[in-house]
Amino acid sequence: MLRILIASSFLLAFAAPSITLAQDSIESETGRVAVETFAEGLEHPWGATYLPDGALLVTERPGRLRLVSTDGAVSDPIDGVPDVLASGQGGLLDVALDPDFANNRTVYLSYSEERGGGAATSVGRGRLDENGSALSNFEVIFRQEPAVSSRLHYGSRLVFAPDGKLFVTLGERGKMREAQDPNNHLGTIVRINPDGSVPDDNPFVGKDGADEIWSYGHRNVQSAALHPQTGVLWTAEMGPRGGDELNIPQAGRNHGWPVVSWGRHYSGERIPDPSTRPEFADAIHSWTPVISPSGMTFYSGDMFADWRGDLLIGGLSAEGIVRVRIDGKQVAGEEVLALGRRIRDVVQAPDGAVMALTDEPAGKILRLTPAASQ
C-alpha cells in the first residue's frame, strides 16, 4: 500500500443568482484553475446530484432540499422532505437519483433519523414532481440498526451500481467496537435493492451477519464513487488521529477498524498497523495527516483532459479538493487543489466543470474550470 504524507457544496421562486469570484484562480500541477462562486446562500450543503435538465439537487444538513438552476439560482426548499435530526454531525445528508429517474422521477435521500434509543442513518425515496417543488409518497426503505445516543459518524453516501443495487455507507456512530460485529449495521457498507429488500447474493445472506451488509469494520465513510471502467465501488474513509483511507470494499470482508488502523486514537494511544493483521482487508492508500474525506467522484470529462480517470475527493481538513492519480488499483500520485474552505462534496458538471460544495453556514457551490491562457 502506498502511503504519502500531505499537509494540512412551471418556474420556481428562485433567488436571484450572485456569480462572483471566490478566487481568481488556483495552482494545479496541470495548469491554473479558475474558481468562481456558482451559487451561494446554502446552509451546510452536504450532497448534490445532477438532474437530466442540468439543474442540481442539493441537500442542506439542517434538513432542506433545494434545486439550483443552470445559472446558479437557488430555489425555495422542496416540500415533502422527511424530518431529520439536525444535531452534531447529523441532518439531511446525501441525495441520489434512481437509475430510471427519467421515467419514475424517484429521488433517494439519506439522513439522521431520531428513533427509540437515539438516532441512526436512514434511507428513503420519493417522487419529485415535474416542476421540482415537492417530493411525494416518501417512504423509508432502510434503517441502520441499532439507533444510539451518539451524534457522530452517520456516514453516509448513496451510490447505485451498474446492476441497479444501491450501496449505502454507514459510520460506526462513535461505537468503535461495534464495527467488528457483522450482526449490526454500525461501521458497515450495505447493499440493498432499490426498494430496500436484500439482494440474494449479498455475502451474509443465510450466514452469521446482517443480510444487508456488504463489508464491515469501517469507521466513517463519507466518500464513495464507482470506478468508471470497472463499475467497482471505491470509498474514502475518515481515520482517527491520522490514517484516513482509500478503499475498494470487498464483499464480506472485515476492514479492521478499530483493531487496526494507519492512525492513532485521539488520546495518542497506538493502534496496530493493518499490515500486522493480514486477515483484515487493507486500504490501498492512507493519509497522515488526515484530509478528512467527504464526497468524491472519478473525473471523466473533457474540460480537464489531464485529470481524466483521476479521483477528486472533497477535503474538510485539507480545505480543498484532493486530486488522486489512479493507476489500476494503485495510487500513482496526488495533489491538493487548495480552495481555503472545507469541501463537503465534489460532483462533475455535464460540461466537465468540477463543482465543489463548501461546508459553511453560508455555504457555496464553487465551479472550477481551466483558467484562460494569459
Foldseek 3Di string as FASTA:
>chain_A
DDEDEDDWAVAFPWDDADKAFLDQWFDDPQAIKGKIFQEWQAAQWFEWDADPVQWIWIDGFQFFIWIQDPRHTIGDGAADTDDADSDQPWGWHYKDAQPVCVPQQKIKTWTWDADPAAIAIWMWIFHQDPNRRYTPPIDTQDTFPDHHNAPDFRAFYWDAFPVQKIKTAGAQSPPFVCQPQQAGCHAFIFIAHPNNHADPPQQCVVHRHDRRGFETQAHHWQEWEAQPPPSFIWTWGDDAQWATAIARGGGPFHQHTPQAGPGQHPVRHDHHHVVVPVSHGYGQYTYVVDQQWHAKYQQCADQPVVLHRWIWTFGQGRQFTKTFHDDPRHTPDIDGRHSNFRWHYWDAGPNGWIWTWGRHSTITIMTMGRNDDD
